[in-house]
N, C-alpha and C. Protein backbone atom coordinates (compact mmCIF):
# COMPACT_ATOMS: atom_id res chain seq x y z
N MET A 1 -1.93 30.19 -12.53
CA MET A 1 -1.22 29.12 -11.86
C MET A 1 -2.23 28.03 -11.49
N ASN A 2 -1.79 26.78 -11.65
CA ASN A 2 -2.65 25.64 -11.33
C ASN A 2 -2.81 25.48 -9.83
N THR A 3 -3.95 25.02 -9.46
CA THR A 3 -4.18 24.68 -8.06
C THR A 3 -3.69 23.26 -7.82
N ILE A 4 -3.60 22.89 -6.57
CA ILE A 4 -3.19 21.52 -6.24
C ILE A 4 -4.15 20.52 -6.87
N LYS A 5 -5.44 20.80 -6.83
CA LYS A 5 -6.41 19.88 -7.42
C LYS A 5 -6.18 19.71 -8.92
N GLU A 6 -5.92 20.81 -9.61
CA GLU A 6 -5.67 20.73 -11.04
C GLU A 6 -4.42 19.91 -11.33
N ASP A 7 -3.37 20.14 -10.54
CA ASP A 7 -2.14 19.37 -10.70
C ASP A 7 -2.39 17.89 -10.44
N LEU A 8 -3.16 17.60 -9.42
CA LEU A 8 -3.47 16.21 -9.10
C LEU A 8 -4.27 15.56 -10.22
N HIS A 9 -5.24 16.27 -10.74
CA HIS A 9 -6.02 15.74 -11.86
C HIS A 9 -5.11 15.44 -13.05
N SER A 10 -4.19 16.33 -13.35
CA SER A 10 -3.27 16.13 -14.47
C SER A 10 -2.40 14.90 -14.24
N LEU A 11 -1.88 14.76 -13.02
CA LEU A 11 -1.04 13.60 -12.72
C LEU A 11 -1.82 12.30 -12.85
N ILE A 12 -3.03 12.29 -12.35
CA ILE A 12 -3.85 11.09 -12.44
C ILE A 12 -4.17 10.76 -13.90
N ASP A 13 -4.44 11.78 -14.69
CA ASP A 13 -4.74 11.56 -16.11
C ASP A 13 -3.56 10.93 -16.85
N GLU A 14 -2.35 11.17 -16.37
CA GLU A 14 -1.15 10.64 -17.02
C GLU A 14 -0.82 9.20 -16.61
N ILE A 15 -1.45 8.69 -15.58
CA ILE A 15 -1.15 7.34 -15.11
C ILE A 15 -1.71 6.32 -16.09
N GLU A 16 -0.84 5.47 -16.60
CA GLU A 16 -1.25 4.40 -17.52
C GLU A 16 -1.31 3.06 -16.80
N ASP A 17 -0.52 2.89 -15.76
CA ASP A 17 -0.44 1.62 -15.03
C ASP A 17 -1.66 1.48 -14.13
N MET A 18 -2.50 0.50 -14.43
CA MET A 18 -3.75 0.33 -13.69
C MET A 18 -3.52 -0.08 -12.24
N ASP A 19 -2.41 -0.76 -11.96
CA ASP A 19 -2.10 -1.11 -10.57
C ASP A 19 -1.83 0.15 -9.75
N ILE A 20 -1.03 1.03 -10.30
CA ILE A 20 -0.73 2.29 -9.60
C ILE A 20 -2.00 3.11 -9.46
N LEU A 21 -2.78 3.18 -10.51
CA LEU A 21 -4.03 3.93 -10.46
C LEU A 21 -4.97 3.36 -9.40
N GLY A 22 -4.99 2.04 -9.29
CA GLY A 22 -5.81 1.40 -8.26
C GLY A 22 -5.36 1.77 -6.86
N HIS A 23 -4.04 1.83 -6.65
CA HIS A 23 -3.52 2.22 -5.34
C HIS A 23 -3.86 3.68 -5.02
N VAL A 24 -3.72 4.54 -6.01
CA VAL A 24 -4.08 5.95 -5.81
C VAL A 24 -5.56 6.07 -5.47
N TYR A 25 -6.37 5.33 -6.20
CA TYR A 25 -7.82 5.35 -5.95
C TYR A 25 -8.13 4.92 -4.52
N GLU A 26 -7.54 3.79 -4.09
CA GLU A 26 -7.80 3.29 -2.73
C GLU A 26 -7.34 4.29 -1.68
N LEU A 27 -6.20 4.91 -1.90
CA LEU A 27 -5.69 5.91 -0.96
C LEU A 27 -6.65 7.10 -0.86
N LEU A 28 -7.07 7.60 -1.99
CA LEU A 28 -7.99 8.75 -1.99
C LEU A 28 -9.35 8.37 -1.41
N LYS A 29 -9.81 7.18 -1.76
CA LYS A 29 -11.10 6.72 -1.23
C LYS A 29 -11.05 6.60 0.29
N ALA A 30 -9.94 6.11 0.81
CA ALA A 30 -9.80 5.92 2.26
C ALA A 30 -9.82 7.26 3.00
N THR A 31 -9.38 8.32 2.36
CA THR A 31 -9.34 9.61 3.03
C THR A 31 -10.73 10.24 3.12
N ARG A 32 -11.67 9.73 2.35
CA ARG A 32 -13.04 10.27 2.39
C ARG A 32 -13.80 9.83 3.62
N HIS A 33 -13.39 8.72 4.20
CA HIS A 33 -14.09 8.17 5.35
C HIS A 33 -13.70 8.90 6.62
N ASP A 34 -14.40 8.63 7.64
CA ASP A 34 -14.17 9.28 8.93
C ASP A 34 -12.72 9.09 9.36
N SER A 35 -11.97 10.16 9.41
CA SER A 35 -10.55 10.09 9.74
C SER A 35 -10.32 9.77 11.21
N LYS A 36 -11.38 9.80 12.02
CA LYS A 36 -11.22 9.47 13.43
C LYS A 36 -11.13 7.96 13.65
N LEU A 37 -11.55 7.18 12.65
CA LEU A 37 -11.47 5.73 12.76
C LEU A 37 -10.03 5.27 12.57
N ASP A 38 -9.61 4.38 13.42
CA ASP A 38 -8.29 3.78 13.29
C ASP A 38 -8.33 2.82 12.10
N PHE A 39 -7.22 2.71 11.38
CA PHE A 39 -7.20 1.83 10.21
C PHE A 39 -7.58 0.40 10.61
N TRP A 40 -7.23 -0.02 11.83
CA TRP A 40 -7.50 -1.37 12.30
C TRP A 40 -9.01 -1.65 12.26
N ASP A 41 -9.79 -0.64 12.57
CA ASP A 41 -11.24 -0.79 12.58
C ASP A 41 -11.81 -0.99 11.18
N LYS A 42 -11.06 -0.63 10.17
CA LYS A 42 -11.52 -0.75 8.79
C LYS A 42 -11.16 -2.11 8.18
N LEU A 43 -10.30 -2.89 8.86
CA LEU A 43 -9.86 -4.17 8.33
C LEU A 43 -10.91 -5.25 8.57
N THR A 44 -10.91 -6.23 7.68
CA THR A 44 -11.78 -7.38 7.89
C THR A 44 -11.17 -8.26 8.98
N ASN A 45 -11.96 -9.17 9.52
CA ASN A 45 -11.43 -10.09 10.54
C ASN A 45 -10.31 -10.94 9.97
N ASP A 46 -10.43 -11.35 8.71
CA ASP A 46 -9.38 -12.14 8.07
C ASP A 46 -8.09 -11.34 7.95
N GLU A 47 -8.19 -10.07 7.56
CA GLU A 47 -7.00 -9.23 7.45
C GLU A 47 -6.33 -9.05 8.81
N LYS A 48 -7.14 -8.82 9.85
CA LYS A 48 -6.60 -8.68 11.20
C LYS A 48 -5.88 -9.96 11.63
N LYS A 49 -6.50 -11.09 11.36
CA LYS A 49 -5.91 -12.39 11.73
C LYS A 49 -4.57 -12.59 11.02
N ARG A 50 -4.51 -12.27 9.74
CA ARG A 50 -3.27 -12.44 8.98
C ARG A 50 -2.17 -11.52 9.49
N ILE A 51 -2.51 -10.31 9.87
CA ILE A 51 -1.52 -9.38 10.42
C ILE A 51 -1.01 -9.90 11.75
N GLU A 52 -1.92 -10.35 12.61
CA GLU A 52 -1.51 -10.88 13.91
C GLU A 52 -0.62 -12.11 13.75
N GLU A 53 -0.95 -12.98 12.79
CA GLU A 53 -0.10 -14.15 12.53
C GLU A 53 1.28 -13.72 12.04
N SER A 54 1.33 -12.71 11.20
CA SER A 54 2.61 -12.21 10.69
C SER A 54 3.47 -11.64 11.80
N ILE A 55 2.83 -10.94 12.72
CA ILE A 55 3.57 -10.38 13.86
C ILE A 55 4.18 -11.50 14.68
N GLU A 56 3.39 -12.54 14.93
CA GLU A 56 3.91 -13.68 15.69
C GLU A 56 5.07 -14.35 14.96
N LEU A 57 4.94 -14.55 13.66
CA LEU A 57 6.01 -15.16 12.87
C LEU A 57 7.27 -14.31 12.89
N SER A 58 7.11 -13.01 12.92
CA SER A 58 8.27 -12.11 12.89
C SER A 58 9.08 -12.15 14.18
N LYS A 59 8.53 -12.71 15.22
CA LYS A 59 9.25 -12.79 16.50
C LYS A 59 10.32 -13.88 16.48
N ASN A 60 10.25 -14.78 15.50
CA ASN A 60 11.22 -15.86 15.38
C ASN A 60 12.28 -15.47 14.36
N PRO A 61 13.55 -15.32 14.79
CA PRO A 61 14.61 -14.91 13.86
C PRO A 61 14.78 -15.84 12.66
N GLN A 62 14.35 -17.08 12.77
CA GLN A 62 14.45 -18.01 11.63
C GLN A 62 13.55 -17.58 10.47
N ASN A 63 12.56 -16.76 10.75
CA ASN A 63 11.65 -16.27 9.71
C ASN A 63 12.12 -14.97 9.07
N TRP A 64 13.19 -14.42 9.57
CA TRP A 64 13.67 -13.14 9.05
C TRP A 64 14.32 -13.33 7.69
N VAL A 65 14.23 -12.31 6.86
CA VAL A 65 14.86 -12.30 5.55
C VAL A 65 15.90 -11.18 5.54
N PRO A 66 17.13 -11.48 5.11
CA PRO A 66 18.17 -10.44 5.09
C PRO A 66 17.75 -9.25 4.22
N HIS A 67 18.18 -8.09 4.64
CA HIS A 67 17.83 -6.83 3.96
C HIS A 67 18.17 -6.88 2.48
N ASP A 68 19.34 -7.38 2.12
CA ASP A 68 19.73 -7.39 0.71
C ASP A 68 18.79 -8.26 -0.14
N GLN A 69 18.27 -9.34 0.44
CA GLN A 69 17.32 -10.18 -0.30
C GLN A 69 15.99 -9.46 -0.49
N VAL A 70 15.55 -8.75 0.53
CA VAL A 70 14.31 -7.98 0.43
C VAL A 70 14.46 -6.90 -0.63
N MET A 71 15.59 -6.21 -0.61
CA MET A 71 15.81 -5.13 -1.58
C MET A 71 15.90 -5.68 -3.00
N GLU A 72 16.50 -6.85 -3.17
CA GLU A 72 16.58 -7.46 -4.50
C GLU A 72 15.18 -7.79 -5.02
N LYS A 73 14.37 -8.38 -4.15
CA LYS A 73 13.00 -8.72 -4.56
C LYS A 73 12.20 -7.44 -4.85
N ALA A 74 12.35 -6.43 -4.00
CA ALA A 74 11.62 -5.18 -4.19
C ALA A 74 12.02 -4.49 -5.50
N SER A 75 13.28 -4.65 -5.88
CA SER A 75 13.73 -4.00 -7.13
C SER A 75 13.06 -4.62 -8.34
N GLN A 76 12.52 -5.82 -8.20
CA GLN A 76 11.86 -6.50 -9.32
C GLN A 76 10.38 -6.09 -9.44
N TRP A 77 9.81 -5.52 -8.38
CA TRP A 77 8.41 -5.13 -8.42
C TRP A 77 8.21 -4.04 -9.47
N GLY A 78 7.19 -4.16 -10.22
CA GLY A 78 6.85 -3.13 -11.20
C GLY A 78 7.58 -3.28 -12.51
N LYS A 79 8.56 -4.19 -12.58
CA LYS A 79 9.26 -4.39 -13.84
C LYS A 79 8.41 -5.26 -14.76
N SER A 80 8.48 -4.99 -16.02
CA SER A 80 7.74 -5.80 -17.00
C SER A 80 8.26 -7.21 -17.02
N LYS A 81 7.35 -8.14 -17.26
CA LYS A 81 7.74 -9.55 -17.32
C LYS A 81 7.96 -9.99 -18.73
């Protein structure tokens, strides 16, 4: 019987989409670092600033996007152009 590591290696070997592979890589790489660090501590100052700006923008209902529009846009992600 395969171990979890063997199964994971097989799944990774089957990935052809480099974007997905990149995300898997970043996820696995992030788990190697000290897990006691909060993700916020790993962000750059620019990333922190952009998140804080987004939070402020989200407080204004005029900036909200209806759920059905978000889902429509999300359904297009990953589709071939």
